[in-house]
Amino acid sequence: MVTKSISGTFAILLAVAVAFSAYYMALSGFGSSGVSPSSEGMRVDQTTGFEFQPSFKFSKVGNLSVLGVGTRKKAIINVYSVGFYGNKAVAKAIEGKSGAAASKAVISSKGPRAALLTFAMGVGAEKMAEALTNIEGVKQSTKDAFGSMIMDGVGGKLKKGEHFALEWKGSDTVIAVARGKVLGEMKDKDLFVGLLNVYLGPKTVSPSLRANIGVVE
């Protein structure tokens, strides 16, 4: 009788545990997709699984809200995920818009903006500088100085999981930040606009980011 009672109790507890586990997984979205649950309010790059906070405090432009996320790919290789952020004025400028229309509105808006990169693979500082200075309409001397600032500041390479950020302040100032450390800033209107177009323009390096701007998830 005692043995049967213990066995019965164990079976009931096991059933409760299984039911609770299934309930939790259903609530969190964990299951058939194989993707672990994200924290509440996080925006997730579905390609890499990297998460971006709904609000992030940047080094020079302060707290900004995420406007969209996407992936920078090289052929079939995921290089990094990028979350694009803006202040309330920028967010208001894209209300009712998404994709190309929202991206255009972000570029022409006046508030502070930022791009936060999380690397899915190691990338050398020289390659990073080369990619961010491949911009039309910017003086070569400006591109050289900006590239040197990145190479000298990053040193070696950005490893998988490390962060890099570009911050747009005012109407002509760009700040580069790696691993939470400010590498420097440059005041140049053409560079300012050129880098915005790198991510949000028609020739974006991340079509998935441009398509995701303004999309409510």
Protein backbone atom coordinates (compact mmCIF):
# COMPACT_ATOMS: atom_id res chain seq x y z
CA MET A 1 0.00 0.00 0.00
CA VAL A 2 2.82 2.41 0.93
CA THR A 3 4.73 1.57 -2.27
CA LYS A 4 1.63 2.12 -4.42
CA SER A 5 0.96 5.42 -2.65
CA ILE A 6 4.52 6.67 -3.23
CA SER A 7 4.41 5.59 -6.89
CA GLY A 8 1.09 7.32 -7.37
CA THR A 9 2.35 10.53 -5.80
CA PHE A 10 5.49 10.48 -7.96
CA ALA A 11 3.41 9.99 -11.11
CA ILE A 12 1.21 12.96 -10.21
CA LEU A 13 4.22 15.19 -9.51
CA LEU A 14 5.85 14.14 -12.77
CA ALA A 15 2.68 14.94 -14.71
CA VAL A 16 2.45 18.36 -13.07
CA ALA A 17 6.10 19.09 -13.89
CA VAL A 18 5.64 18.12 -17.54
CA ALA A 19 2.47 20.20 -17.82
CA PHE A 20 4.18 23.23 -16.25
CA SER A 21 7.15 22.87 -18.57
CA ALA A 22 4.92 22.73 -21.63
CA TYR A 23 2.95 25.75 -20.41
CA TYR A 24 6.13 27.78 -19.88
CA MET A 25 7.49 26.85 -23.29
CA ALA A 26 4.24 27.84 -24.96
CA LEU A 27 4.24 31.22 -23.24
CA SER A 28 7.87 31.94 -24.06
CA GLY A 29 7.76 30.82 -27.67
CA PHE A 30 10.28 28.03 -27.16
CA GLY A 31 9.55 24.78 -28.93
CA SER A 32 9.37 23.60 -32.50
CA SER A 33 11.39 26.55 -33.83
CA GLY A 34 14.34 25.64 -31.65
CA VAL A 35 14.86 29.30 -30.73
CA SER A 36 15.25 30.10 -27.06
CA PRO A 37 12.81 32.62 -25.59
CA SER A 38 13.82 36.29 -25.84
CA SER A 39 13.48 38.77 -23.00
CA GLU A 40 10.33 40.85 -22.99
CA GLY A 41 10.49 43.74 -25.44
CA MET A 42 13.69 42.60 -27.12
CA ARG A 43 13.97 42.81 -30.91
CA VAL A 44 15.53 39.67 -32.37
CA ASP A 45 17.46 39.28 -35.60
CA GLN A 46 15.84 36.05 -36.78
CA THR A 47 18.87 35.15 -38.91
CA THR A 48 21.45 35.15 -36.11
CA GLY A 49 19.32 35.04 -32.99
CA PHE A 50 21.04 38.14 -31.56
CA GLU A 51 18.80 40.33 -29.42
CA PHE A 52 18.62 44.12 -29.24
CA GLN A 53 17.27 46.06 -26.30
CA PRO A 54 14.17 48.19 -26.95
CA SER A 55 16.08 51.13 -25.45
CA PHE A 56 19.86 51.49 -25.37
CA LYS A 57 22.11 54.14 -23.83
CA PHE A 58 24.78 55.13 -26.32
CA SER A 59 28.06 56.82 -25.48
CA LYS A 60 27.40 60.29 -26.90
CA VAL A 61 23.76 60.46 -28.04
CA GLY A 62 22.10 59.00 -24.94
CA ASN A 63 19.07 56.73 -24.73
CA LEU A 64 17.53 55.80 -28.07
CA SER A 65 14.76 53.37 -29.08
CA VAL A 66 15.21 50.52 -31.54
CA LEU A 67 13.59 51.15 -34.93
CA GLY A 68 14.52 47.92 -36.70
CA VAL A 69 17.02 45.07 -36.88
CA GLY A 70 18.69 43.11 -39.65
CA THR A 71 21.73 41.17 -40.81
CA ARG A 72 24.85 42.12 -42.73
CA LYS A 73 25.65 39.17 -44.96
CA LYS A 74 28.58 38.48 -47.25
CA ALA A 75 27.28 35.96 -49.81
CA ILE A 76 25.76 33.31 -47.51
CA ILE A 77 27.88 34.21 -44.47
CA ASN A 78 26.38 36.19 -41.58
CA VAL A 79 28.90 38.89 -40.68
CA TYR A 80 26.96 40.79 -38.02
CA SER A 81 23.51 41.75 -36.81
CA VAL A 82 22.60 45.41 -36.66
CA GLY A 83 20.00 47.24 -34.63
CA PHE A 84 19.17 50.78 -35.72
CA TYR A 85 18.08 53.29 -33.07
CA GLY A 86 16.62 56.80 -32.93
CA ASN A 87 15.18 59.25 -30.44
CA LYS A 88 11.48 60.12 -30.04
CA ALA A 89 11.55 62.64 -32.89
CA VAL A 90 12.99 60.06 -35.28
CA ALA A 91 10.48 57.43 -34.12
CA LYS A 92 7.65 59.90 -34.70
CA ALA A 93 8.94 60.64 -38.22
CA ILE A 94 8.42 56.99 -39.24
CA GLU A 95 4.96 56.52 -37.73
CA GLY A 96 2.71 54.82 -40.28
CA LYS A 97 5.70 53.95 -42.46
CA SER A 98 7.89 50.87 -42.88
CA GLY A 99 10.67 49.58 -45.08
CA ALA A 100 12.07 51.95 -47.70
CA ALA A 101 9.69 54.81 -46.82
CA ALA A 102 10.56 54.59 -43.11
CA SER A 103 14.29 54.34 -43.87
CA LYS A 104 14.11 57.46 -46.04
CA ALA A 105 12.34 59.27 -43.19
CA VAL A 106 15.06 58.22 -40.73
CA ILE A 107 17.79 59.55 -43.03
CA SER A 108 16.07 62.92 -43.44
CA SER A 109 15.04 63.30 -39.77
CA LYS A 110 16.94 65.62 -37.44
CA GLY A 111 17.26 63.68 -34.19
CA PRO A 112 20.19 61.58 -32.91
CA ARG A 113 20.50 58.09 -34.39
CA ALA A 114 22.77 55.08 -33.92
CA ALA A 115 23.58 51.69 -35.38
CA LEU A 116 24.59 48.94 -32.96
CA LEU A 117 26.47 45.99 -34.47
CA THR A 118 26.90 42.57 -32.85
CA PHE A 119 29.38 40.38 -34.71
CA ALA A 120 28.53 36.83 -35.75
CA MET A 121 32.15 36.17 -36.76
CA GLY A 122 35.56 37.71 -36.29
CA VAL A 123 36.28 40.70 -38.55
CA GLY A 124 39.65 42.43 -38.85
CA ALA A 125 39.88 46.16 -38.10
CA GLU A 126 41.21 46.84 -41.59
CA LYS A 127 38.25 45.06 -43.22
CA MET A 128 35.85 46.95 -40.98
CA ALA A 129 37.44 50.28 -41.87
CA GLU A 130 37.40 49.41 -45.57
CA ALA A 131 33.69 48.54 -45.45
CA LEU A 132 32.72 51.73 -43.64
CA THR A 133 34.72 54.01 -45.94
CA ASN A 134 33.39 52.57 -49.20
CA ILE A 135 31.16 55.60 -49.57
CA GLU A 136 30.48 57.74 -52.61
CA GLY A 137 30.58 61.53 -52.39
CA VAL A 138 33.02 61.73 -49.47
CA LYS A 139 36.50 63.28 -49.76
CA GLN A 140 39.27 60.69 -49.81
CA SER A 141 41.12 62.51 -47.04
CA THR A 142 38.02 62.24 -44.83
CA LYS A 143 37.61 58.54 -45.58
CA ASP A 144 41.29 57.92 -44.85
CA ALA A 145 41.09 59.71 -41.51
CA PHE A 146 37.89 57.88 -40.51
CA GLY A 147 39.36 54.52 -41.56
CA SER A 148 42.53 55.14 -39.57
CA MET A 149 40.47 56.07 -36.52
CA ILE A 150 38.67 52.72 -36.72
CA MET A 151 41.80 50.64 -37.34
CA ASP A 152 43.80 52.30 -34.57
CA GLY A 153 40.91 52.16 -32.11
CA VAL A 154 39.77 48.59 -32.76
CA GLY A 155 43.22 47.06 -33.01
CA GLY A 156 43.45 43.50 -34.34
CA LYS A 157 39.87 42.41 -34.92
CA LEU A 158 36.35 42.46 -33.55
CA LYS A 159 35.55 38.99 -32.25
CA LYS A 160 32.31 37.06 -32.43
CA GLY A 161 29.84 38.53 -29.94
CA GLU A 162 31.64 41.88 -29.64
CA HIS A 163 29.96 45.19 -30.38
CA PHE A 164 30.64 48.20 -32.57
CA ALA A 165 28.48 51.29 -32.85
CA LEU A 166 28.10 54.33 -35.05
CA GLU A 167 26.37 57.35 -33.54
CA TRP A 168 25.01 60.29 -35.51
CA LYS A 169 24.94 63.54 -33.51
CA GLY A 170 23.63 66.90 -34.65
CA SER A 171 23.67 67.33 -38.41
CA ASP A 172 27.26 66.45 -39.26
CA THR A 173 29.05 64.51 -36.48
CA VAL A 174 29.73 60.76 -36.49
CA ILE A 175 31.06 58.91 -33.44
CA ALA A 176 32.63 55.45 -33.64
CA VAL A 177 32.53 53.15 -30.60
CA ALA A 178 34.01 49.67 -30.20
CA ARG A 179 33.48 47.38 -27.20
CA GLY A 180 31.90 50.32 -25.34
CA LYS A 181 34.94 52.58 -25.86
CA VAL A 182 34.70 55.76 -27.92
CA LEU A 183 37.28 55.59 -30.71
CA GLY A 184 36.73 59.18 -31.80
CA GLU A 185 34.41 61.41 -33.75
CA MET A 186 34.48 63.19 -37.08
CA LYS A 187 32.60 66.28 -38.17
CA ASP A 188 31.79 65.97 -41.86
CA LYS A 189 28.35 66.34 -43.44
CA ASP A 190 29.08 64.06 -46.41
CA LEU A 191 30.41 61.29 -44.15
CA PHE A 192 27.39 61.73 -41.87
CA VAL A 193 24.88 61.26 -44.70
CA GLY A 194 27.00 58.64 -46.47
CA LEU A 195 27.08 56.35 -43.45
CA LEU A 196 23.32 56.69 -42.95
CA ASN A 197 22.90 55.53 -46.53
CA VAL A 198 25.25 52.59 -45.95
CA TYR A 199 22.54 51.10 -43.72
CA LEU A 200 19.30 52.72 -44.84
CA GLY A 201 19.84 53.85 -48.42
CA PRO A 202 18.85 52.05 -51.65
CA LYS A 203 22.28 50.35 -51.77
CA THR A 204 22.18 49.27 -48.12
CA VAL A 205 24.61 46.63 -46.89
CA SER A 206 21.67 45.09 -44.99
CA PRO A 207 18.45 44.82 -47.03
CA SER A 208 16.83 42.98 -44.10
CA LEU A 209 17.45 46.00 -41.82
CA ARG A 210 16.03 48.46 -44.34
CA ALA A 211 12.94 46.27 -44.77
CA ASN A 212 12.50 46.00 -40.98
CA ILE A 213 12.64 49.72 -40.13
CA GLY A 214 9.27 50.79 -38.75
CA VAL A 215 7.89 47.25 -38.63
CA VAL A 216 5.97 46.65 -35.40
CA GLU A 217 6.75 43.26 -33.84
